[in-house]
Amino acid sequence: MAVQLSHLYGVPIRQRPPPPLTGQRTTVSLVRAVAKNAQELLKSGEVEAIRPKEAATAIDSEGYRLLDIRPAWEWEKARVKGSVHVALFVKDEDYGLIGLLKKWVHFGYIGLWTGQYLTTLNPDFIGEVEAAVPDKNTKLLVACGEGLRSLIAVSKLYNEGYKNLRWLAGGFNRSDESDFLAVEGPEKLQYATIGGVSYYFLQLLILLQAVGKNS
């Protein structure tokens, strides 16, 4: 399955983020290396990719726990009841001169349209997962909004001893309302990654679809 790095920034596949500023290049290179390792795990069969339609069976019948690694603001909009939440990416809190410049560029190119904050890798991700799921033999279904971030998480978790892993291919964005029946939060699960100006376009599209059905 082809995975494109544009998902990391929470934007559609065909949109490309601006070239990373100094200080981001190391993170992007690391992400690419980890994502490549995760793809190798999928190809080898060490980690299995499953579709959202198969997730309920994995959770209810096969004993998998859903590990949601989305940022807090996406999780707050919608989440599967009973899932474990540990964010792989957290809001970048650098408010120095370079940090503010990065935030300004990010907002102009991405944030205004998607509503996504500038993020950085959570340095405590593994520790937080270990606190929430101390038994590394636990079956984990790792998921995010679009699939790339969870792919990175799969690689990091596998390297830390979590071997019973599955990956939600395509993420929650590819799910239907019937895939996860117990969903909490004010938004639909498949729309939780959408914010900013694009959120209002989405609401307009939903309204037009409803009008079309009624007419």
N, C-alpha and C. Protein backbone atom coordinates (compact mmCIF):
# COMPACT_ATOMS: atom_id res chain seq x y z
N MET A 1 0.85 -1.20 0.00
CA MET A 1 0.00 0.00 0.00
C MET A 1 0.88 1.24 0.00
N ALA A 2 0.67 2.14 -0.94
CA ALA A 2 1.49 3.35 -1.02
C ALA A 2 1.09 4.32 0.06
N VAL A 3 2.06 4.87 0.77
CA VAL A 3 1.80 5.85 1.82
C VAL A 3 2.59 7.09 1.49
N GLN A 4 1.93 8.25 1.53
CA GLN A 4 2.59 9.49 1.18
C GLN A 4 2.71 10.37 2.40
N LEU A 5 3.84 11.06 2.52
CA LEU A 5 4.12 11.84 3.71
C LEU A 5 3.20 13.03 3.89
N SER A 6 2.42 13.40 2.89
CA SER A 6 1.50 14.52 3.06
C SER A 6 0.49 14.26 4.15
N HIS A 7 0.23 12.97 4.47
CA HIS A 7 -0.71 12.65 5.54
C HIS A 7 -0.20 13.11 6.89
N LEU A 8 1.09 13.21 7.05
CA LEU A 8 1.65 13.62 8.32
C LEU A 8 1.16 15.00 8.71
N TYR A 9 0.93 15.84 7.75
CA TYR A 9 0.53 17.21 8.01
C TYR A 9 -0.98 17.37 8.03
N GLY A 10 -1.72 16.29 7.86
CA GLY A 10 -3.16 16.36 7.92
C GLY A 10 -3.80 16.99 6.71
N VAL A 11 -3.16 16.91 5.55
CA VAL A 11 -3.71 17.51 4.33
C VAL A 11 -3.99 16.41 3.32
N PRO A 12 -4.84 16.67 2.35
CA PRO A 12 -5.14 15.65 1.33
C PRO A 12 -3.90 15.20 0.59
N ILE A 13 -3.98 14.02 -0.01
CA ILE A 13 -2.82 13.40 -0.64
C ILE A 13 -2.22 14.28 -1.71
N ARG A 14 -3.06 14.96 -2.50
CA ARG A 14 -2.53 15.70 -3.65
C ARG A 14 -1.91 17.03 -3.26
N GLN A 15 -2.12 17.48 -2.01
CA GLN A 15 -1.50 18.71 -1.59
C GLN A 15 -0.12 18.41 -1.02
N ARG A 16 0.81 19.30 -1.27
CA ARG A 16 2.16 19.10 -0.79
C ARG A 16 2.51 20.18 0.22
N PRO A 17 3.08 19.83 1.38
CA PRO A 17 3.50 20.84 2.34
C PRO A 17 4.73 21.57 1.84
N PRO A 18 5.00 22.78 2.35
CA PRO A 18 6.18 23.52 1.94
C PRO A 18 7.44 22.81 2.41
N PRO A 19 8.58 23.13 1.81
CA PRO A 19 9.83 22.52 2.26
C PRO A 19 10.04 22.78 3.74
N PRO A 20 10.51 21.81 4.52
CA PRO A 20 10.66 21.99 5.96
C PRO A 20 11.71 23.03 6.29
N LEU A 21 11.45 23.79 7.37
CA LEU A 21 12.41 24.77 7.82
C LEU A 21 13.55 24.07 8.55
N THR A 22 14.66 24.78 8.76
CA THR A 22 15.76 24.23 9.53
C THR A 22 15.25 23.80 10.89
N GLY A 23 15.61 22.60 11.32
CA GLY A 23 15.10 22.06 12.58
C GLY A 23 14.01 21.04 12.35
N GLN A 24 13.30 21.16 11.22
CA GLN A 24 12.29 20.16 10.88
C GLN A 24 12.87 19.06 10.00
N ARG A 25 13.98 19.34 9.31
CA ARG A 25 14.52 18.36 8.37
C ARG A 25 14.88 17.05 9.07
N THR A 26 15.45 17.15 10.29
CA THR A 26 15.82 15.95 11.02
C THR A 26 14.59 15.12 11.33
N THR A 27 13.53 15.78 11.77
CA THR A 27 12.29 15.09 12.10
C THR A 27 11.70 14.41 10.86
N VAL A 28 11.67 15.12 9.75
CA VAL A 28 11.12 14.56 8.52
C VAL A 28 11.94 13.36 8.07
N SER A 29 13.26 13.45 8.14
CA SER A 29 14.11 12.33 7.77
C SER A 29 13.87 11.13 8.67
N LEU A 30 13.71 11.39 9.96
CA LEU A 30 13.43 10.31 10.91
C LEU A 30 12.10 9.65 10.59
N VAL A 31 11.09 10.47 10.31
CA VAL A 31 9.77 9.95 9.99
C VAL A 31 9.82 9.07 8.75
N ARG A 32 10.55 9.50 7.74
CA ARG A 32 10.66 8.72 6.51
C ARG A 32 11.32 7.37 6.78
N ALA A 33 12.37 7.38 7.60
CA ALA A 33 13.08 6.14 7.91
C ALA A 33 12.19 5.18 8.68
N VAL A 34 11.45 5.71 9.66
CA VAL A 34 10.57 4.88 10.47
C VAL A 34 9.42 4.33 9.63
N ALA A 35 8.85 5.18 8.76
CA ALA A 35 7.76 4.74 7.89
C ALA A 35 8.24 3.64 6.95
N LYS A 36 9.47 3.75 6.45
CA LYS A 36 10.02 2.72 5.57
C LYS A 36 10.14 1.41 6.31
N ASN A 37 10.59 1.47 7.56
CA ASN A 37 10.71 0.26 8.37
C ASN A 37 9.35 -0.37 8.60
N ALA A 38 8.33 0.45 8.83
CA ALA A 38 6.97 -0.06 9.04
C ALA A 38 6.44 -0.75 7.79
N GLN A 39 6.71 -0.18 6.64
CA GLN A 39 6.28 -0.80 5.39
C GLN A 39 6.94 -2.16 5.19
N GLU A 40 8.19 -2.28 5.63
CA GLU A 40 8.87 -3.57 5.55
C GLU A 40 8.23 -4.59 6.49
N LEU A 41 7.76 -4.13 7.65
CA LEU A 41 7.07 -5.02 8.58
C LEU A 41 5.76 -5.53 7.96
N LEU A 42 5.08 -4.67 7.23
CA LEU A 42 3.85 -5.08 6.58
C LEU A 42 4.13 -6.08 5.46
N LYS A 43 5.15 -5.80 4.67
CA LYS A 43 5.49 -6.70 3.56
C LYS A 43 5.91 -8.08 4.06
N SER A 44 6.61 -8.12 5.18
CA SER A 44 7.10 -9.39 5.72
C SER A 44 6.01 -10.18 6.43
N GLY A 45 4.91 -9.51 6.75
CA GLY A 45 3.84 -10.17 7.48
C GLY A 45 3.98 -10.10 9.00
N GLU A 46 5.03 -9.44 9.48
CA GLU A 46 5.20 -9.28 10.92
C GLU A 46 4.07 -8.44 11.52
N VAL A 47 3.57 -7.50 10.73
CA VAL A 47 2.42 -6.69 11.12
C VAL A 47 1.37 -6.81 10.03
N GLU A 48 0.13 -7.01 10.42
CA GLU A 48 -0.96 -7.18 9.45
C GLU A 48 -1.75 -5.88 9.31
N ALA A 49 -2.02 -5.51 8.08
CA ALA A 49 -2.89 -4.36 7.80
C ALA A 49 -4.33 -4.84 7.68
N ILE A 50 -5.24 -4.16 8.36
CA ILE A 50 -6.65 -4.51 8.24
C ILE A 50 -7.45 -3.25 7.90
N ARG A 51 -8.58 -3.45 7.27
CA ARG A 51 -9.45 -2.34 6.89
C ARG A 51 -10.37 -1.97 8.06
N PRO A 52 -10.91 -0.75 8.06
CA PRO A 52 -11.84 -0.37 9.12
C PRO A 52 -13.01 -1.34 9.27
N LYS A 53 -13.48 -1.91 8.17
CA LYS A 53 -14.61 -2.83 8.25
C LYS A 53 -14.27 -4.11 9.02
N GLU A 54 -12.98 -4.41 9.13
CA GLU A 54 -12.53 -5.60 9.85
C GLU A 54 -12.17 -5.31 11.30
N ALA A 55 -12.19 -4.04 11.67
CA ALA A 55 -11.72 -3.64 12.99
C ALA A 55 -12.61 -4.16 14.11
N ALA A 56 -13.91 -4.13 13.92
CA ALA A 56 -14.83 -4.57 14.97
C ALA A 56 -14.59 -6.04 15.31
N THR A 57 -14.36 -6.85 14.30
CA THR A 57 -14.08 -8.27 14.53
C THR A 57 -12.78 -8.45 15.29
N ALA A 58 -11.76 -7.68 14.91
CA ALA A 58 -10.47 -7.77 15.59
C ALA A 58 -10.60 -7.39 17.06
N ILE A 59 -11.42 -6.38 17.35
CA ILE A 59 -11.57 -5.90 18.72
C ILE A 59 -12.49 -6.81 19.53
N ASP A 60 -13.66 -7.12 18.98
CA ASP A 60 -14.68 -7.85 19.73
C ASP A 60 -14.42 -9.35 19.80
N SER A 61 -13.89 -9.92 18.74
CA SER A 61 -13.76 -11.38 18.67
C SER A 61 -12.33 -11.89 18.83
N GLU A 62 -11.34 -11.06 18.49
CA GLU A 62 -9.95 -11.53 18.51
C GLU A 62 -9.13 -10.92 19.64
N GLY A 63 -9.74 -10.04 20.43
CA GLY A 63 -9.07 -9.54 21.62
C GLY A 63 -8.09 -8.41 21.42
N TYR A 64 -8.19 -7.70 20.30
CA TYR A 64 -7.30 -6.56 20.08
C TYR A 64 -7.80 -5.32 20.82
N ARG A 65 -6.86 -4.56 21.35
CA ARG A 65 -7.18 -3.25 21.94
C ARG A 65 -6.85 -2.18 20.91
N LEU A 66 -7.74 -1.23 20.77
CA LEU A 66 -7.53 -0.16 19.81
C LEU A 66 -6.65 0.92 20.44
N LEU A 67 -5.50 1.17 19.83
CA LEU A 67 -4.59 2.22 20.29
C LEU A 67 -4.71 3.39 19.33
N ASP A 68 -5.29 4.47 19.78
CA ASP A 68 -5.52 5.68 18.99
C ASP A 68 -4.36 6.63 19.25
N ILE A 69 -3.56 6.92 18.22
CA ILE A 69 -2.36 7.74 18.43
C ILE A 69 -2.52 9.15 17.85
N ARG A 70 -3.75 9.57 17.56
CA ARG A 70 -3.99 10.90 17.01
C ARG A 70 -3.69 11.99 18.04
N PRO A 71 -3.43 13.23 17.58
CA PRO A 71 -3.27 14.34 18.52
C PRO A 71 -4.53 14.56 19.33
N ALA A 72 -4.38 15.21 20.46
CA ALA A 72 -5.49 15.38 21.40
C ALA A 72 -6.70 16.07 20.77
N TRP A 73 -6.45 17.08 19.90
CA TRP A 73 -7.58 17.84 19.34
C TRP A 73 -8.40 17.01 18.36
N GLU A 74 -7.80 16.01 17.73
CA GLU A 74 -8.58 15.10 16.88
C GLU A 74 -9.34 14.10 17.75
N TRP A 75 -8.69 13.60 18.79
CA TRP A 75 -9.30 12.63 19.69
C TRP A 75 -10.52 13.23 20.40
N GLU A 76 -10.43 14.51 20.77
CA GLU A 76 -11.53 15.16 21.46
C GLU A 76 -12.76 15.30 20.58
N LYS A 77 -12.56 15.41 19.28
CA LYS A 77 -13.70 15.53 18.36
C LYS A 77 -14.49 14.23 18.25
N ALA A 78 -13.79 13.11 18.19
CA ALA A 78 -14.44 11.81 18.05
C ALA A 78 -13.44 10.71 18.38
N ARG A 79 -13.89 9.71 19.12
CA ARG A 79 -13.03 8.58 19.47
C ARG A 79 -13.89 7.35 19.72
N VAL A 80 -13.29 6.20 19.54
CA VAL A 80 -13.97 4.94 19.78
C VAL A 80 -13.98 4.67 21.27
N LYS A 81 -15.15 4.41 21.81
CA LYS A 81 -15.28 4.16 23.24
C LYS A 81 -14.45 2.96 23.65
N GLY A 82 -13.69 3.11 24.73
CA GLY A 82 -12.87 2.02 25.23
C GLY A 82 -11.48 1.94 24.63
N SER A 83 -11.18 2.80 23.67
CA SER A 83 -9.85 2.78 23.05
C SER A 83 -8.82 3.41 23.98
N VAL A 84 -7.56 3.07 23.76
CA VAL A 84 -6.44 3.66 24.48
C VAL A 84 -5.91 4.82 23.65
N HIS A 85 -5.73 5.97 24.28
CA HIS A 85 -5.24 7.14 23.53
C HIS A 85 -3.87 7.57 24.03
N VAL A 86 -2.88 7.53 23.14
CA VAL A 86 -1.56 8.09 23.40
C VAL A 86 -1.12 8.79 22.12
N ALA A 87 -0.92 10.09 22.19
CA ALA A 87 -0.60 10.86 20.98
C ALA A 87 0.84 10.64 20.55
N LEU A 88 1.03 10.32 19.27
CA LEU A 88 2.38 10.21 18.72
C LEU A 88 2.96 11.58 18.43
N PHE A 89 2.12 12.50 17.97
CA PHE A 89 2.54 13.88 17.72
C PHE A 89 1.80 14.81 18.67
N VAL A 90 2.52 15.77 19.21
CA VAL A 90 1.94 16.74 20.13
C VAL A 90 2.18 18.15 19.59
N LYS A 91 1.44 19.09 20.10
CA LYS A 91 1.56 20.47 19.65
C LYS A 91 2.96 21.01 19.93
N ASP A 92 3.54 21.65 18.93
CA ASP A 92 4.86 22.24 19.07
C ASP A 92 4.75 23.48 19.97
N GLU A 93 5.40 23.44 21.12
CA GLU A 93 5.30 24.53 22.09
C GLU A 93 6.51 25.45 22.06
N ASP A 94 7.28 25.41 20.99
CA ASP A 94 8.43 26.30 20.86
C ASP A 94 7.95 27.69 20.43
N TYR A 95 8.07 28.65 21.34
CA TYR A 95 7.62 30.02 21.03
C TYR A 95 8.80 30.99 20.91
N GLY A 96 9.98 30.42 20.63
CA GLY A 96 11.11 31.27 20.31
C GLY A 96 10.94 31.86 18.92
N LEU A 97 11.92 32.64 18.48
CA LEU A 97 11.82 33.32 17.19
C LEU A 97 11.64 32.31 16.05
N ILE A 98 12.48 31.27 16.02
CA ILE A 98 12.38 30.26 14.97
C ILE A 98 11.06 29.50 15.09
N GLY A 99 10.67 29.19 16.33
CA GLY A 99 9.42 28.49 16.54
C GLY A 99 8.22 29.27 16.04
N LEU A 100 8.21 30.56 16.31
CA LEU A 100 7.10 31.41 15.84
C LEU A 100 7.10 31.50 14.31
N LEU A 101 8.29 31.56 13.72
CA LEU A 101 8.38 31.61 12.25
C LEU A 101 7.81 30.33 11.65
N LYS A 102 8.17 29.19 12.23
CA LYS A 102 7.65 27.91 11.74
C LYS A 102 6.13 27.87 11.87
N LYS A 103 5.60 28.37 12.98
CA LYS A 103 4.15 28.38 13.18
C LYS A 103 3.47 29.27 12.14
N TRP A 104 4.08 30.39 11.83
CA TRP A 104 3.49 31.31 10.86
C TRP A 104 3.46 30.68 9.47
N VAL A 105 4.56 30.07 9.06
CA VAL A 105 4.61 29.41 7.75
C VAL A 105 3.61 28.26 7.71
N HIS A 106 3.58 27.46 8.78
CA HIS A 106 2.64 26.34 8.85
C HIS A 106 1.20 26.82 8.74
N PHE A 107 0.87 27.89 9.45
CA PHE A 107 -0.50 28.40 9.41
C PHE A 107 -0.85 28.88 8.01
N GLY A 108 0.07 29.59 7.37
CA GLY A 108 -0.22 30.13 6.05
C GLY A 108 -0.41 29.07 4.99
N TYR A 109 0.37 27.99 5.07
CA TYR A 109 0.30 26.94 4.05
C TYR A 109 -0.69 25.84 4.40
N ILE A 110 -0.82 25.51 5.69
CA ILE A 110 -1.57 24.33 6.09
C ILE A 110 -2.62 24.60 7.15
N GLY A 111 -2.23 25.28 8.22
CA GLY A 111 -3.11 25.44 9.37
C GLY A 111 -4.43 26.12 9.06
N LEU A 112 -4.40 27.18 8.26
CA LEU A 112 -5.63 27.90 7.94
C LEU A 112 -6.62 27.00 7.24
N TRP A 113 -6.14 26.15 6.34
CA TRP A 113 -7.02 25.29 5.56
C TRP A 113 -7.48 24.07 6.35
N THR A 114 -6.57 23.44 7.09
CA THR A 114 -6.88 22.17 7.76
C THR A 114 -7.24 22.30 9.23
N GLY A 115 -6.85 23.41 9.85
CA GLY A 115 -7.08 23.55 11.29
C GLY A 115 -6.09 22.76 12.13
N GLN A 116 -5.04 22.20 11.51
CA GLN A 116 -4.05 21.41 12.24
C GLN A 116 -2.98 22.33 12.83
N TYR A 117 -2.58 22.02 14.06
CA TYR A 117 -1.48 22.74 14.69
C TYR A 117 -0.14 22.22 14.16
N LEU A 118 0.90 23.04 14.31
CA LEU A 118 2.24 22.56 14.04
C LEU A 118 2.61 21.56 15.13
N THR A 119 3.07 20.38 14.75
CA THR A 119 3.32 19.34 15.73
C THR A 119 4.78 18.89 15.74
N THR A 120 5.11 18.16 16.78
CA THR A 120 6.42 17.54 16.91
C THR A 120 6.22 16.15 17.50
N LEU A 121 7.16 15.25 17.27
CA LEU A 121 7.05 13.91 17.82
C LEU A 121 7.00 13.96 19.34
N ASN A 122 6.11 13.19 19.91
CA ASN A 122 5.99 13.10 21.37
C ASN A 122 7.18 12.31 21.92
N PRO A 123 8.09 12.94 22.65
CA PRO A 123 9.28 12.23 23.14
C PRO A 123 8.93 11.16 24.19
N ASP A 124 7.74 11.24 24.79
CA ASP A 124 7.33 10.30 25.82
C ASP A 124 6.36 9.25 25.29
N PHE A 125 6.26 9.13 23.96
CA PHE A 125 5.25 8.23 23.38
C PHE A 125 5.38 6.80 23.90
N ILE A 126 6.55 6.21 23.80
CA ILE A 126 6.72 4.82 24.22
C ILE A 126 6.44 4.68 25.72
N GLY A 127 6.94 5.58 26.52
CA GLY A 127 6.71 5.52 27.96
C GLY A 127 5.24 5.60 28.31
N GLU A 128 4.50 6.44 27.60
CA GLU A 128 3.07 6.58 27.86
C GLU A 128 2.30 5.33 27.43
N VAL A 129 2.73 4.72 26.32
CA VAL A 129 2.10 3.47 25.91
C VAL A 129 2.39 2.37 26.92
N GLU A 130 3.63 2.31 27.38
CA GLU A 130 3.99 1.29 28.36
C GLU A 130 3.21 1.46 29.66
N ALA A 131 2.91 2.70 30.03
CA ALA A 131 2.11 2.94 31.24
C ALA A 131 0.67 2.50 31.03
N ALA A 132 0.14 2.73 29.83
CA ALA A 132 -1.25 2.38 29.54
C ALA A 132 -1.41 0.90 29.21
N VAL A 133 -0.39 0.33 28.55
CA VAL A 133 -0.44 -1.09 28.14
C VAL A 133 0.89 -1.73 28.54
N PRO A 134 1.06 -2.08 29.81
CA PRO A 134 2.36 -2.60 30.26
C PRO A 134 2.72 -3.98 29.73
N ASP A 135 1.72 -4.79 29.40
CA ASP A 135 1.98 -6.13 28.88
C ASP A 135 2.25 -6.03 27.38
N LYS A 136 3.49 -6.28 26.99
CA LYS A 136 3.86 -6.12 25.59
C LYS A 136 3.38 -7.26 24.71
N ASN A 137 2.75 -8.26 25.31
CA ASN A 137 2.12 -9.32 24.53
C ASN A 137 0.68 -8.97 24.15
N THR A 138 0.20 -7.82 24.63
CA THR A 138 -1.16 -7.38 24.32
C THR A 138 -1.33 -7.19 22.81
N LYS A 139 -2.46 -7.64 22.30
CA LYS A 139 -2.78 -7.41 20.90
C LYS A 139 -3.24 -5.97 20.72
N LEU A 140 -2.56 -5.24 19.86
CA LEU A 140 -2.88 -3.83 19.65
C LEU A 140 -3.21 -3.56 18.19
N LEU A 141 -4.32 -2.88 17.98
CA LEU A 141 -4.69 -2.37 16.66
C LEU A 141 -4.39 -0.87 16.68
N VAL A 142 -3.39 -0.46 15.95
CA VAL A 142 -2.89 0.92 16.00
C VAL A 142 -3.57 1.73 14.90
N ALA A 143 -4.11 2.89 15.28
CA ALA A 143 -4.92 3.66 14.33
C ALA A 143 -4.70 5.15 14.50
N CYS A 144 -4.92 5.87 13.38
CA CYS A 144 -4.93 7.33 13.39
C CYS A 144 -5.97 7.79 12.37
N GLY A 145 -5.90 9.04 11.95
CA GLY A 145 -6.90 9.55 11.03
C GLY A 145 -6.76 9.03 9.62
N GLU A 146 -5.52 9.01 9.10
CA GLU A 146 -5.33 8.69 7.70
C GLU A 146 -4.39 7.52 7.45
N GLY A 147 -3.63 7.09 8.46
CA GLY A 147 -2.82 5.89 8.30
C GLY A 147 -1.33 6.07 8.42
N LEU A 148 -0.78 7.25 8.11
CA LEU A 148 0.67 7.40 8.14
C LEU A 148 1.20 7.47 9.56
N ARG A 149 0.58 8.30 10.38
CA ARG A 149 1.08 8.45 11.75
C ARG A 149 1.04 7.12 12.50
N SER A 150 -0.03 6.36 12.30
CA SER A 150 -0.12 5.06 12.96
C SER A 150 0.90 4.08 12.41
N LEU A 151 1.27 4.25 11.14
CA LEU A 151 2.32 3.40 10.55
C LEU A 151 3.64 3.68 11.24
N ILE A 152 3.92 4.93 11.51
CA ILE A 152 5.13 5.30 12.25
C ILE A 152 5.09 4.73 13.65
N ALA A 153 3.93 4.82 14.30
CA ALA A 153 3.77 4.29 15.65
C ALA A 153 4.00 2.79 15.69
N VAL A 154 3.50 2.08 14.68
CA VAL A 154 3.69 0.63 14.60
C VAL A 154 5.18 0.29 14.61
N SER A 155 5.96 1.00 13.81
CA SER A 155 7.39 0.74 13.75
C SER A 155 8.06 0.96 15.10
N LYS A 156 7.73 2.07 15.75
CA LYS A 156 8.33 2.39 17.05
C LYS A 156 7.92 1.36 18.10
N LEU A 157 6.67 0.96 18.10
CA LEU A 157 6.19 -0.01 19.08
C LEU A 157 6.83 -1.38 18.86
N TYR A 158 6.93 -1.79 17.61
CA TYR A 158 7.53 -3.09 17.29
C TYR A 158 8.98 -3.14 17.78
N ASN A 159 9.70 -2.06 17.57
CA ASN A 159 11.10 -2.01 17.99
C ASN A 159 11.25 -2.02 19.50
N GLU A 160 10.18 -1.65 20.22
CA GLU A 160 10.21 -1.63 21.68
C GLU A 160 9.62 -2.90 22.29
N GLY A 161 9.32 -3.90 21.46
CA GLY A 161 8.91 -5.19 21.99
C GLY A 161 7.46 -5.54 21.86
N TYR A 162 6.65 -4.63 21.31
CA TYR A 162 5.24 -4.95 21.06
C TYR A 162 5.15 -5.67 19.71
N LYS A 163 4.90 -6.97 19.75
CA LYS A 163 4.96 -7.77 18.54
C LYS A 163 3.58 -8.15 17.99
N ASN A 164 2.54 -8.08 18.81
CA ASN A 164 1.20 -8.46 18.36
C ASN A 164 0.45 -7.21 17.86
N LEU A 165 0.87 -6.74 16.70
CA LEU A 165 0.36 -5.47 16.20
C LEU A 165 -0.41 -5.65 14.89
N ARG A 166 -1.46 -4.86 14.78
CA ARG A 166 -2.13 -4.68 13.51
C ARG A 166 -2.24 -3.19 13.24
N TRP A 167 -2.36 -2.86 11.97
CA TRP A 167 -2.40 -1.46 11.53
C TRP A 167 -3.70 -1.19 10.81
N LEU A 168 -4.39 -0.13 11.19
CA LEU A 168 -5.65 0.23 10.54
C LEU A 168 -5.34 0.97 9.24
N ALA A 169 -5.41 0.27 8.14
CA ALA A 169 -5.07 0.83 6.83
C ALA A 169 -6.07 1.92 6.43
N GLY A 170 -5.55 3.08 6.07
CA GLY A 170 -6.42 4.18 5.67
C GLY A 170 -6.95 5.00 6.83
N GLY A 171 -6.82 4.47 8.04
CA GLY A 171 -7.23 5.21 9.22
C GLY A 171 -8.73 5.38 9.36
N PHE A 172 -9.11 6.17 10.35
CA PHE A 172 -10.53 6.41 10.62
C PHE A 172 -11.22 7.14 9.47
N ASN A 173 -10.45 7.88 8.69
CA ASN A 173 -11.07 8.62 7.58
C ASN A 173 -11.73 7.70 6.57
N ARG A 174 -11.28 6.46 6.49
CA ARG A 174 -11.83 5.50 5.54
C ARG A 174 -12.97 4.67 6.15
N SER A 175 -13.31 4.97 7.39
CA SER A 175 -14.34 4.16 8.06
C SER A 175 -15.74 4.68 7.73
N ASP A 176 -16.72 3.79 7.89
CA ASP A 176 -18.13 4.16 7.80
C ASP A 176 -18.71 4.19 9.21
N GLU A 177 -19.88 4.77 9.33
CA GLU A 177 -20.50 4.88 10.65
C GLU A 177 -20.78 3.52 11.26
N SER A 178 -20.94 2.50 10.44
CA SER A 178 -21.26 1.17 10.95
C SER A 178 -20.02 0.39 11.40
N ASP A 179 -18.81 0.90 11.10
CA ASP A 179 -17.59 0.17 11.43
C ASP A 179 -17.29 0.21 12.93
N PHE A 180 -17.51 1.36 13.55
CA PHE A 180 -17.29 1.53 14.99
C PHE A 180 -18.58 2.08 15.59
N LEU A 181 -19.34 1.21 16.24
CA LEU A 181 -20.68 1.61 16.70
C LEU A 181 -20.62 2.51 17.94
N ALA A 182 -19.65 2.27 18.82
CA ALA A 182 -19.57 3.04 20.06
C ALA A 182 -18.57 4.17 19.89
N VAL A 183 -19.01 5.28 19.34
CA VAL A 183 -18.16 6.44 19.10
C VAL A 183 -18.61 7.59 19.98
N GLU A 184 -17.66 8.23 20.65
CA GLU A 184 -17.93 9.36 21.51
C GLU A 184 -17.39 10.64 20.90
N GLY A 185 -17.96 11.79 21.29
CA GLY A 185 -17.48 13.07 20.81
C GLY A 185 -18.49 13.76 19.92
N PRO A 186 -18.30 15.06 19.67
CA PRO A 186 -19.28 15.86 18.93
C PRO A 186 -19.26 15.67 17.41
N GLU A 187 -18.19 15.08 16.87
CA GLU A 187 -18.07 14.94 15.42
C GLU A 187 -18.14 13.48 15.01
N LYS A 188 -18.31 13.24 13.72
CA LYS A 188 -18.21 11.88 13.21
C LYS A 188 -16.74 11.49 13.15
N LEU A 189 -16.47 10.22 13.41
CA LEU A 189 -15.10 9.74 13.50
C LEU A 189 -14.33 9.98 12.21
N GLN A 190 -14.97 9.78 11.06
CA GLN A 190 -14.27 9.91 9.79
C GLN A 190 -13.98 11.36 9.41
N TYR A 191 -14.54 12.31 10.17
CA TYR A 191 -14.31 13.73 9.86
C TYR A 191 -13.46 14.43 10.92
N ALA A 192 -12.93 13.69 11.88
CA ALA A 192 -12.26 14.31 13.01
C ALA A 192 -10.94 14.99 12.64
N THR A 193 -10.34 14.60 11.53
CA THR A 193 -9.08 15.24 11.12
C THR A 193 -9.31 16.55 10.38
N ILE A 194 -10.56 16.83 10.03
CA ILE A 194 -10.86 17.99 9.20
C ILE A 194 -11.17 19.20 10.07
N GLY A 195 -10.51 20.31 9.80
CA GLY A 195 -10.74 21.54 10.55
C GLY A 195 -10.47 22.74 9.67
N GLY A 196 -10.39 23.91 10.29
CA GLY A 196 -10.11 25.12 9.55
C GLY A 196 -11.15 25.42 8.49
N VAL A 197 -10.71 26.05 7.41
CA VAL A 197 -11.63 26.42 6.33
C VAL A 197 -12.24 25.18 5.68
N SER A 198 -11.48 24.11 5.59
CA SER A 198 -11.99 22.89 4.94
C SER A 198 -13.18 22.30 5.70
N TYR A 199 -13.26 22.57 7.01
CA TYR A 199 -14.39 22.07 7.80
C TYR A 199 -15.70 22.69 7.30
N TYR A 200 -15.66 23.98 6.97
CA TYR A 200 -16.88 24.66 6.50
C TYR A 200 -17.27 24.19 5.10
N PHE A 201 -16.26 23.88 4.28
CA PHE A 201 -16.58 23.29 2.97
C PHE A 201 -17.22 21.92 3.15
N LEU A 202 -16.73 21.17 4.13
CA LEU A 202 -17.31 19.85 4.40
C LEU A 202 -18.77 19.99 4.84
N GLN A 203 -19.05 20.93 5.73
CA GLN A 203 -20.42 21.12 6.20
C GLN A 203 -21.35 21.54 5.05
N LEU A 204 -20.82 22.38 4.15
CA LEU A 204 -21.60 22.79 2.99
C LEU A 204 -21.90 21.59 2.09
N LEU A 205 -20.90 20.72 1.90
CA LEU A 205 -21.08 19.53 1.08
C LEU A 205 -22.12 18.60 1.69
N ILE A 206 -22.06 18.42 3.00
CA ILE A 206 -23.05 17.56 3.68
C ILE A 206 -24.45 18.14 3.53
N LEU A 207 -24.56 19.46 3.65
CA LEU A 207 -25.85 20.12 3.50
C LEU A 207 -26.41 19.94 2.09
N LEU A 208 -25.55 20.12 1.09
CA LEU A 208 -25.98 19.96 -0.30
C LEU A 208 -26.40 18.52 -0.58
N GLN A 209 -25.69 17.55 0.01
CA GLN A 209 -26.04 16.16 -0.18
C GLN A 209 -27.42 15.88 0.45
N ALA A 210 -27.65 16.44 1.63
CA ALA A 210 -28.94 16.25 2.29
C ALA A 210 -30.08 16.86 1.48
N VAL A 211 -29.84 18.07 0.94
CA VAL A 211 -30.85 18.72 0.12
C VAL A 211 -31.11 17.89 -1.13
N GLY A 212 -30.06 17.36 -1.73
CA GLY A 212 -30.22 16.54 -2.93
C GLY A 212 -31.05 15.29 -2.68
N LYS A 213 -30.84 14.67 -1.52
CA LYS A 213 -31.60 13.46 -1.18
C LYS A 213 -33.07 13.79 -0.96
N ASN A 214 -33.31 14.92 -0.29
CA ASN A 214 -34.70 15.30 0.02
C ASN A 214 -35.47 15.73 -1.22
N SER A 215 -34.71 16.27 -2.21
CA SER A 215 -35.39 16.71 -3.44
C SER A 215 -35.51 15.56 -4.43
